[in-house]
PDB file of N, CA and C in Angstrom:
ATOM      1  N   MET A   1     141.715  -1.180 143.432  1.00  0.00           N
ATOM      2  CA  MET A   1     142.021  -0.459 142.597  1.00  0.00           C
ATOM      3  C   MET A   1     142.873   0.249 142.793  1.00  0.00           C
ATOM      4  N   LYS A   2     143.887   0.688 142.248  1.00  0.00           N
ATOM      5  CA  LYS A   2     145.553   1.010 142.132  1.00  0.00           C
ATOM      6  C   LYS A   2     145.531   2.232 141.553  1.00  0.00           C
ATOM      7  N   LEU A   3     145.642   3.288 142.071  1.00  0.00           N
ATOM      8  CA  LEU A   3     146.056   4.232 141.073  1.00  0.00           C
ATOM      9  C   LEU A   3     147.971   4.328 140.551  1.00  0.00           C
ATOM     10  N   LEU A   4     147.977   4.464 139.590  1.00  0.00           N
ATOM     11  CA  LEU A   4     149.590   4.603 138.990  1.00  0.00           C
ATOM     12  C   LEU A   4     149.450   6.190 138.761  1.00  0.00           C
ATOM     13  N   ARG A   5     151.033   6.644 139.359  1.00  0.00           N
ATOM     14  CA  ARG A   5     151.153   7.885 139.263  1.00  0.00           C
ATOM     15  C   ARG A   5     152.532   8.125 138.676  1.00  0.00           C
ATOM     16  N   LYS A   6     152.625   8.166 136.879  1.00  0.00           N
ATOM     17  CA  LYS A   6     153.735   8.172 136.594  1.00  0.00           C
ATOM     18  C   LYS A   6     153.972   9.361 135.783  1.00  0.00           C
ATOM     19  N   ASN A   7     154.604  10.171 135.450  1.00  0.00           N
ATOM     20  CA  ASN A   7     155.071  11.106 135.188  1.00  0.00           C
ATOM     21  C   ASN A   7     153.670  12.162 135.371  1.00  0.00           C
ATOM     22  N   LEU A   8     153.446  12.451 136.724  1.00  0.00           N
ATOM     23  CA  LEU A   8     152.367  13.889 136.466  1.00  0.00           C
ATOM     24  C   LEU A   8     152.952  14.923 137.410  1.00  0.00           C
ATOM     25  N   THR A   9     153.593  15.372 136.417  1.00  0.00           N
ATOM     26  CA  THR A   9     154.029  16.554 136.735  1.00  0.00           C
ATOM     27  C   THR A   9     153.365  17.623 136.157  1.00  0.00           C
ATOM     28  N   ALA A  10     153.296  19.244 136.400  1.00  0.00           N
ATOM     29  CA  ALA A  10     152.491  20.156 135.548  1.00  0.00           C
ATOM     30  C   ALA A  10     153.213  21.372 135.851  1.00  0.00           C
ATOM     31  N   PHE A  11     153.098  22.043 134.815  1.00  0.00           N
ATOM     32  CA  PHE A  11     153.872  23.166 135.244  1.00  0.00           C
ATOM     33  C   PHE A  11     152.800  24.222 134.409  1.00  0.00           C
ATOM     34  N   PHE A  12     153.283  25.278 135.756  1.00  0.00           N
ATOM     35  CA  PHE A  12     152.129  26.501 135.742  1.00  0.00           C
ATOM     36  C   PHE A  12     152.909  27.754 135.409  1.00  0.00           C
ATOM     37  N   TYR A  13     152.326  27.908 134.098  1.00  0.00           N
ATOM     38  CA  TYR A  13     152.795  29.435 133.457  1.00  0.00           C
ATOM     39  C   TYR A  13     151.936  30.438 134.037  1.00  0.00           C
ATOM     40  N   MET A  14     152.510  31.579 134.561  1.00  0.00           N
ATOM     41  CA  MET A  14     151.548  32.745 135.013  1.00  0.00           C
ATOM     42  C   MET A  14     152.062  34.042 134.400  1.00  0.00           C
ATOM     43  N   ASN A  15     151.289  34.557 133.528  1.00  0.00           N
ATOM     44  CA  ASN A  15     151.760  35.731 132.618  1.00  0.00           C
ATOM     45  C   ASN A  15     151.718  37.226 133.563  1.00  0.00           C
ATOM     46  N   GLN A  16     152.554  37.493 133.615  1.00  0.00           N
ATOM     47  CA  GLN A  16     152.718  39.062 134.871  1.00  0.00           C
ATOM     48  C   GLN A  16     151.670  39.658 134.274  1.00  0.00           C
ATOM     49  N   GLU A  17     151.338  39.929 132.860  1.00  0.00           N
ATOM     50  CA  GLU A  17     150.835  41.099 132.392  1.00  0.00           C
ATOM     51  C   GLU A  17     149.222  41.391 133.133  1.00  0.00           C
ATOM     52  N   MET A  18     148.677  39.753 132.846  1.00  0.00           N
ATOM     53  CA  MET A  18     147.258  39.539 133.436  1.00  0.00           C
ATOM     54  C   MET A  18     147.158  39.406 134.630  1.00  0.00           C
ATOM     55  N   MET A  19     148.037  39.095 135.579  1.00  0.00           N
ATOM     56  CA  MET A  19     147.931  39.239 137.053  1.00  0.00           C
ATOM     57  C   MET A  19     148.126  40.442 137.621  1.00  0.00           C
ATOM     58  N   PRO A  20     147.083  41.044 138.315  1.00  0.00           N
ATOM     59  CA  PRO A  20     147.259  41.812 139.105  1.00  0.00           C
ATOM     60  C   PRO A  20     148.427  42.338 140.061  1.00  0.00           C
ATOM     61  N   ILE A  21     148.658  43.356 140.113  1.00  0.00           N
ATOM     62  CA  ILE A  21     150.035  43.532 140.859  1.00  0.00           C
ATOM     63  C   ILE A  21     149.423  43.621 142.350  1.00  0.00           C
ATOM     64  N   GLN A  22     149.824  42.780 143.347  1.00  0.00           N
ATOM     65  CA  GLN A  22     149.378  42.913 144.729  1.00  0.00           C
ATOM     66  C   GLN A  22     150.780  43.335 145.569  1.00  0.00           C
ATOM     67  N   ILE A  23     150.070  44.196 146.238  1.00  0.00           N
ATOM     68  CA  ILE A  23     151.386  45.278 146.766  1.00  0.00           C
ATOM     69  C   ILE A  23     151.403  44.392 148.917  1.00  0.00           C
ATOM     70  N   VAL A  24     152.531  44.332 149.136  1.00  0.00           N
ATOM     71  CA  VAL A  24     152.117  43.967 150.514  1.00  0.00           C
ATOM     72  C   VAL A  24     153.017  44.903 151.569  1.00  0.00           C
ATOM     73  N   ASN A  25     152.390  45.311 152.405  1.00  0.00           N
ATOM     74  CA  ASN A  25     153.280  45.973 153.090  1.00  0.00           C
ATOM     75  C   ASN A  25     152.478  46.062 154.621  1.00  0.00           C
ATOM     76  N   ALA A  26     153.038  46.711 155.705  1.00  0.00           N
ATOM     77  CA  ALA A  26     152.589  46.540 156.828  1.00  0.00           C
ATOM     78  C   ALA A  26     150.830  46.500 157.057  1.00  0.00           C
ATOM     79  N   LYS A  27     150.513  47.855 156.486  1.00  0.00           N
ATOM     80  CA  LYS A  27     149.539  48.086 156.863  1.00  0.00           C
ATOM     81  C   LYS A  27     148.038  47.023 156.308  1.00  0.00           C
ATOM     82  N   ILE A  28     148.576  46.449 155.097  1.00  0.00           N
ATOM     83  CA  ILE A  28     147.321  44.984 154.369  1.00  0.00           C
ATOM     84  C   ILE A  28     147.629  43.903 155.574  1.00  0.00           C
ATOM     85  N   LEU A  29     148.860  43.972 155.916  1.00  0.00           N
ATOM     86  CA  LEU A  29     149.007  42.800 157.075  1.00  0.00           C
ATOM     87  C   LEU A  29     148.708  42.696 158.190  1.00  0.00           C
ATOM     88  N   ASN A  30     147.995  44.019 158.571  1.00  0.00           N
ATOM     89  CA  ASN A  30     147.709  44.649 159.854  1.00  0.00           C
ATOM     90  C   ASN A  30     148.575  44.875 161.017  1.00  0.00           C
ATOM     91  N   LEU A  31     149.634  45.070 160.790  1.00  0.00           N
ATOM     92  CA  LEU A  31     151.035  44.615 161.900  1.00  0.00           C
ATOM     93  C   LEU A  31     150.926  45.782 162.635  1.00  0.00           C
ATOM     94  N   PRO A  32     151.227  45.616 163.984  1.00  0.00           N
ATOM     95  CA  PRO A  32     151.181  46.702 165.036  1.00  0.00           C
ATOM     96  C   PRO A  32     152.260  47.774 164.668  1.00  0.00           C
ATOM     97  N   TYR A  33     151.625  48.825 165.102  1.00  0.00           N
ATOM     98  CA  TYR A  33     152.522  50.107 164.649  1.00  0.00           C
ATOM     99  C   TYR A  33     152.810  50.402 163.246  1.00  0.00           C
ATOM    100  N   ALA A  34     151.736  49.921 162.199  1.00  0.00           N
ATOM    101  CA  ALA A  34     151.927  50.141 161.072  1.00  0.00           C
ATOM    102  C   ALA A  34     151.404  51.261 160.784  1.00  0.00           C
ATOM    103  N   THR A  35     150.452  52.326 161.169  1.00  0.00           N
ATOM    104  CA  THR A  35     150.122  53.101 160.748  1.00  0.00           C
ATOM    105  C   THR A  35     151.260  54.206 161.547  1.00  0.00           C
ATOM    106  N   SER A  36     151.627  54.069 162.371  1.00  0.00           N
ATOM    107  CA  SER A  36     152.382  55.296 163.468  1.00  0.00           C
ATOM    108  C   SER A  36     153.589  55.737 162.662  1.00  0.00           C
ATOM    109  N   VAL A  37     153.759  57.145 162.692  1.00  0.00           N
ATOM    110  CA  VAL A  37     154.588  58.261 162.217  1.00  0.00           C
ATOM    111  C   VAL A  37     155.771  58.830 163.234  1.00  0.00           C
ATOM    112  N   VAL A  38     156.454  58.207 162.527  1.00  0.00           N
ATOM    113  CA  VAL A  38     158.153  58.993 163.939  1.00  0.00           C
ATOM    114  C   VAL A  38     158.288  60.445 163.360  1.00  0.00           C
ATOM    115  N   GLN A  39     158.269  60.811 164.804  1.00  0.00           N
ATOM    116  CA  GLN A  39     158.326  62.431 164.802  1.00  0.00           C
ATOM    117  C   GLN A  39     159.739  62.675 164.551  1.00  0.00           C
ATOM    118  N   LYS A  40     159.981  63.890 164.028  1.00  0.00           N
ATOM    119  CA  LYS A  40     161.464  64.348 163.439  1.00  0.00           C
ATOM    120  C   LYS A  40     161.871  64.944 164.452  1.00  0.00           C
ATOM    121  N   ASP A  41     163.262  64.101 165.038  1.00  0.00           N
ATOM    122  CA  ASP A  41     164.200  65.017 166.091  1.00  0.00           C
ATOM    123  C   ASP A  41     164.391  66.561 165.468  1.00  0.00           C
ATOM    124  N   LEU A  42     164.403  67.528 165.856  1.00  0.00           N
ATOM    125  CA  LEU A  42     164.743  68.668 165.292  1.00  0.00           C
ATOM    126  C   LEU A  42     166.040  69.578 166.492  1.00  0.00           C
ATOM    127  N   SER A  43     166.380  68.828 167.382  1.00  0.00           N
ATOM    128  CA  SER A  43     166.985  69.426 168.398  1.00  0.00           C
ATOM    129  C   SER A  43     168.546  69.316 167.853  1.00  0.00           C
ATOM    130  N   ILE A  44     169.221  70.273 168.528  1.00  0.00           N
ATOM    131  CA  ILE A  44     170.636  70.442 167.878  1.00  0.00           C
ATOM    132  C   ILE A  44     171.541  69.714 168.996  1.00  0.00           C
ATOM    133  N   ILE A  45     171.181  69.585 170.151  1.00  0.00           N
ATOM    134  CA  ILE A  45     172.387  69.056 170.996  1.00  0.00           C
ATOM    135  C   ILE A  45     171.105  68.091 171.834  1.00  0.00           C
ATOM    136  N   LYS A  46     171.683  66.850 172.149  1.00  0.00           N
ATOM    137  CA  LYS A  46     171.028  65.583 172.648  1.00  0.00           C
ATOM    138  C   LYS A  46     171.747  65.263 174.171  1.00  0.00           C
ATOM    139  N   PHE A  47     171.349  64.991 174.887  1.00  0.00           N
ATOM    140  CA  PHE A  47     172.146  65.037 176.382  1.00  0.00           C
ATOM    141  C   PHE A  47     171.328  63.065 176.656  1.00  0.00           C
ATOM    142  N   ARG A  48     171.980  62.109 176.273  1.00  0.00           N
ATOM    143  CA  ARG A  48     171.904  60.720 176.112  1.00  0.00           C
ATOM    144  C   ARG A  48     172.937  59.938 177.133  1.00  0.00           C
ATOM    145  N   SER A  49     173.663  59.394 176.335  1.00  0.00           N
ATOM    146  CA  SER A  49     174.987  58.620 177.397  1.00  0.00           C
ATOM    147  C   SER A  49     176.421  59.803 177.027  1.00  0.00           C
ATOM    148  N   GLY A  50     175.721  60.852 176.879  1.00  0.00           N
ATOM    149  CA  GLY A  50     177.067  62.062 176.831  1.00  0.00           C
ATOM    150  C   GLY A  50     176.264  62.864 175.752  1.00  0.00           C
ATOM    151  N   GLU A  51     177.029  63.847 175.342  1.00  0.00           N
ATOM    152  CA  GLU A  51     176.301  64.835 174.317  1.00  0.00           C
ATOM    153  C   GLU A  51     176.734  64.925 173.155  1.00  0.00           C
ATOM    154  N   VAL A  52     175.762  64.927 172.558  1.00  0.00           N
ATOM    155  CA  VAL A  52     176.140  64.634 170.961  1.00  0.00           C
ATOM    156  C   VAL A  52     175.266  66.185 170.417  1.00  0.00           C
ATOM    157  N   VAL A  53     176.206  66.304 169.299  1.00  0.00           N
ATOM    158  CA  VAL A  53     175.652  67.638 168.570  1.00  0.00           C
ATOM    159  C   VAL A  53     175.218  67.179 166.916  1.00  0.00           C
ATOM    160  N   SER A  54     174.248  67.297 166.871  1.00  0.00           N
ATOM    161  CA  SER A  54     173.908  67.283 165.749  1.00  0.00           C
ATOM    162  C   SER A  54     173.736  68.170 164.085  1.00  0.00           C
ATOM    163  N   LEU A  55     174.900  67.773 163.388  1.00  0.00           N
ATOM    164  CA  LEU A  55     175.400  68.856 162.561  1.00  0.00           C
ATOM    165  C   LEU A  55     174.269  69.136 161.360  1.00  0.00           C
ATOM    166  N   GLY A  56     173.667  68.052 160.767  1.00  0.00           N
ATOM    167  CA  GLY A  56     172.110  68.525 160.234  1.00  0.00           C
ATOM    168  C   GLY A  56     171.324  69.100 160.822  1.00  0.00           C
ATOM    169  N   ASN A  57     170.838  68.960 161.745  1.00  0.00           N
ATOM    170  CA  ASN A  57     169.871  69.993 162.470  1.00  0.00           C
ATOM    171  C   ASN A  57     170.529  71.331 162.666  1.00  0.00           C
ATOM    172  N   LEU A  58     172.042  71.799 163.137  1.00  0.00           N
ATOM    173  CA  LEU A  58     172.538  73.044 163.042  1.00  0.00           C
ATOM    174  C   LEU A  58     172.201  73.661 161.824  1.00  0.00           C
ATOM    175  N   PHE A  59     172.854  73.013 160.463  1.00  0.00           N
ATOM    176  CA  PHE A  59     172.872  73.025 159.485  1.00  0.00           C
ATOM    177  C   PHE A  59     171.352  74.194 159.155  1.00  0.00           C
ATOM    178  N   ASN A  60     170.050  73.192 159.155  1.00  0.00           N
ATOM    179  CA  ASN A  60     168.782  73.226 158.734  1.00  0.00           C
ATOM    180  C   ASN A  60     168.498  74.548 159.685  1.00  0.00           C
ATOM    181  N   ILE A  61     168.470  74.682 160.973  1.00  0.00           N
ATOM    182  CA  ILE A  61     168.549  76.002 161.628  1.00  0.00           C
ATOM    183  C   ILE A  61     169.472  77.350 161.036  1.00  0.00           C
ATOM    184  N   LEU A  62     170.478  77.192 160.857  1.00  0.00           N
ATOM    185  CA  LEU A  62     171.006  78.289 160.277  1.00  0.00           C
ATOM    186  C   LEU A  62     170.878  78.585 159.059  1.00  0.00           C
ATOM    187  N   LYS A  63     170.449  78.032 157.853  1.00  0.00           N
ATOM    188  CA  LYS A  63     169.752  77.996 156.711  1.00  0.00           C
ATOM    189  C   LYS A  63     168.258  78.483 156.692  1.00  0.00           C
ATOM    190  N   GLY A  64     167.878  78.083 157.733  1.00  0.00           N
ATOM    191  CA  GLY A  64     166.168  78.493 157.458  1.00  0.00           C
ATOM    192  C   GLY A  64     165.517  77.366 157.472  1.00  0.00           C
ATOM    193  N   THR A  65     165.542  76.310 157.225  1.00  0.00           N
ATOM    194  CA  THR A  65     164.889  75.133 156.411  1.00  0.00           C
ATOM    195  C   THR A  65     163.922  74.704 157.628  1.00  0.00           C
ATOM    196  N   ASN A  66     163.951  74.967 158.840  1.00  0.00           N
ATOM    197  CA  ASN A  66     163.174  74.357 159.921  1.00  0.00           C
ATOM    198  C   ASN A  66     162.149  75.636 160.062  1.00  0.00           C
ATOM    199  N   LYS A  67     162.335  76.861 159.821  1.00  0.00           N
ATOM    200  CA  LYS A  67     161.568  77.942 159.565  1.00  0.00           C
ATOM    201  C   LYS A  67     160.455  78.089 158.716  1.00  0.00           C
ATOM    202  N   ARG A  68     160.829  77.320 157.185  1.00  0.00           N
ATOM    203  CA  ARG A  68     160.306  77.171 156.502  1.00  0.00           C
ATOM    204  C   ARG A  68     159.175  76.156 156.171  1.00  0.00           C
ATOM    205  N   GLU A  69     159.728  74.997 156.700  1.00  0.00           N
ATOM    206  CA  GLU A  69     158.880  73.867 156.925  1.00  0.00           C
ATOM    207  C   GLU A  69     157.743  74.189 157.759  1.00  0.00           C
ATOM    208  N   ARG A  70     157.846  75.170 159.094  1.00  0.00           N
ATOM    209  CA  ARG A  70     156.832  75.561 159.550  1.00  0.00           C
ATOM    210  C   ARG A  70     155.645  76.193 159.055  1.00  0.00           C
ATOM    211  N   GLN A  71     156.360  76.870 158.301  1.00  0.00           N
ATOM    212  CA  GLN A  71     155.343  77.897 157.637  1.00  0.00           C
ATOM    213  C   GLN A  71     154.759  77.185 156.340  1.00  0.00           C
ATOM    214  N   LEU A  72     155.681  76.278 155.952  1.00  0.00           N
ATOM    215  CA  LEU A  72     154.539  75.442 154.881  1.00  0.00           C
ATOM    216  C   LEU A  72     153.608  74.794 155.568  1.00  0.00           C
ATOM    217  N   LYS A  73     153.673  74.092 156.594  1.00  0.00           N
ATOM    218  CA  LYS A  73     152.527  73.742 157.702  1.00  0.00           C
ATOM    219  C   LYS A  73     151.490  74.465 157.986  1.00  0.00           C
ATOM    220  N   LYS A  74     151.802  75.811 158.190  1.00  0.00           N
ATOM    221  CA  LYS A  74     150.580  76.594 158.625  1.00  0.00           C
ATOM    222  C   LYS A  74     149.685  76.528 157.345  1.00  0.00           C
ATOM    223  N   TYR A  75     150.525  77.304 156.203  1.00  0.00           N
ATOM    224  CA  TYR A  75     149.844  77.337 155.007  1.00  0.00           C
ATOM    225  C   TYR A  75     149.221  76.206 154.638  1.00  0.00           C
ATOM    226  N   GLN A  76     149.644  75.246 154.761  1.00  0.00           N
ATOM    227  CA  GLN A  76     148.772  73.717 154.260  1.00  0.00           C
ATOM    228  C   GLN A  76     147.444  73.871 155.014  1.00  0.00           C
ATOM    229  N   GLN A  77     147.276  74.186 156.128  1.00  0.00           N
ATOM    230  CA  GLN A  77     146.218  73.986 157.298  1.00  0.00           C
ATOM    231  C   GLN A  77     144.999  75.029 156.856  1.00  0.00           C
ATOM    232  N   LYS A  78     145.602  76.260 156.044  1.00  0.00           N
ATOM    233  CA  LYS A  78     144.738  77.278 155.691  1.00  0.00           C
ATOM    234  C   LYS A  78     144.136  77.078 154.414  1.00  0.00           C
ATOM    235  N   ILE A  79     144.476  76.275 153.324  1.00  0.00           N
ATOM    236  CA  ILE A  79     144.383  75.889 152.188  1.00  0.00           C
ATOM    237  C   ILE A  79     142.682  75.447 152.464  1.00  0.00           C
ATOM    238  N   PRO A  80     142.266  74.416 152.740  1.00  0.00           N
ATOM    239  CA  PRO A  80     141.035  73.964 152.910  1.00  0.00           C
ATOM    240  C   PRO A  80     139.966  75.188 152.638  1.00  0.00           C
ATOM    241  N   TYR A  81     140.322  75.912 154.212  1.00  0.00           N
ATOM    242  CA  TYR A  81     139.256  77.507 154.283  1.00  0.00           C
ATOM    243  C   TYR A  81     139.332  78.365 153.105  1.00  0.00           C
ATOM    244  N   LEU A  82     140.474  78.438 152.427  1.00  0.00           N
ATOM    245  CA  LEU A  82     140.894  79.174 151.294  1.00  0.00           C
ATOM    246  C   LEU A  82     140.071  78.264 149.713  1.00  0.00           C
ATOM    247  N   LYS A  83     139.893  77.251 149.727  1.00  0.00           N
ATOM    248  CA  LYS A  83     139.072  76.798 148.684  1.00  0.00           C
ATOM    249  C   LYS A  83     137.913  76.854 149.112  1.00  0.00           C
ATOM    250  N   LYS A  84     137.527  76.805 150.160  1.00  0.00           N
ATOM    251  CA  LYS A  84     135.902  76.842 150.392  1.00  0.00           C
ATOM    252  C   LYS A  84     135.512  78.263 150.199  1.00  0.00           C
ATOM    253  N   LEU A  85     136.236  79.472 150.632  1.00  0.00           N
ATOM    254  CA  LEU A  85     135.956  81.240 149.925  1.00  0.00           C
ATOM    255  C   LEU A  85     136.166  81.247 148.588  1.00  0.00           C
ATOM    256  N   LYS A  86     137.174  79.997 148.081  1.00  0.00           N
ATOM    257  CA  LYS A  86     137.275  80.539 146.331  1.00  0.00           C
ATOM    258  C   LYS A  86     136.026  79.963 146.016  1.00  0.00           C
ATOM    259  N   ASN A  87     135.460  78.984 146.278  1.00  0.00           N
ATOM    260  CA  ASN A  87     134.511  78.057 145.581  1.00  0.00           C
ATOM    261  C   ASN A  87     133.286  79.443 146.101  1.00  0.00           C
ATOM    262  N   ILE A  88     132.950  79.810 146.953  1.00  0.00           N
ATOM    263  CA  ILE A  88     131.689  80.773 147.431  1.00  0.00           C
ATOM    264  C   ILE A  88     131.725  82.071 146.787  1.00  0.00           C
ATOM    265  N   LEU A  89     133.291  82.517 146.636  1.00  0.00           N
ATOM    266  CA  LEU A  89     133.169  83.666 145.597  1.00  0.00           C
ATOM    267  C   LEU A  89     133.083  83.630 144.168  1.00  0.00           C
ATOM    268  N   GLN A  90     133.384  82.161 143.918  1.00  0.00           N
ATOM    269  CA  GLN A  90     133.095  82.291 142.051  1.00  0.00           C
ATOM    270  C   GLN A  90     131.643  82.061 142.206  1.00  0.00           C
ATOM    271  N   LYS A  91     130.581  81.286 142.709  1.00  0.00           N
ATOM    272  CA  LYS A  91     129.722  81.297 143.070  1.00  0.00           C
ATOM    273  C   LYS A  91     128.952  82.610 143.162  1.00  0.00           C
ATOM    274  N   LEU A  92     129.292  83.256 143.953  1.00  0.00           N
ATOM    275  CA  LEU A  92     128.555  84.980 143.785  1.00  0.00           C
ATOM    276  C   LEU A  92     128.833  85.790 142.573  1.00  0.00           C
ATOM    277  N   PHE A  93     129.951  85.449 142.371  1.00  0.00           N
ATOM    278  CA  PHE A  93     130.451  86.493 140.857  1.00  0.00           C
ATOM    279  C   PHE A  93     129.669  85.977 139.714  1.00  0.00           C
ATOM    280  N   TYR A  94     129.891  84.467 139.265  1.00  0.00           N
ATOM    281  CA  TYR A  94     129.592  84.149 138.047  1.00  0.00           C
ATOM    282  C   TYR A  94     128.073  83.643 137.986  1.00  0.00           C
ATOM    283  N   TYR A  95     127.115  83.567 139.303  1.00  0.00           N
ATOM    284  CA  TYR A  95     125.735  83.207 139.176  1.00  0.00           C
ATOM    285  C   TYR A  95     124.878  84.183 139.605  1.00  0.00           C
TER     286      TYR A  95
END
């Protein structure tokens, strides 16, 4: 028995509205160092293969941006404690 394969072409149309959007990133692919976070270098002067002065970091120190970022981190650590305290006080006051 011989199968004849004449004009057996198929056209697949995929409606983008019906297909779910799939995000492919390093975490989904389980690549190494996918969850690692690079620490920001805030130093002004670097001694590697010579002296390098970072103007961006120098301006941030002069404007006080680094100090504000440190204060923001400090206050963000206090937020969960303050939310718990707020809930306790609301329960005591309203009930």
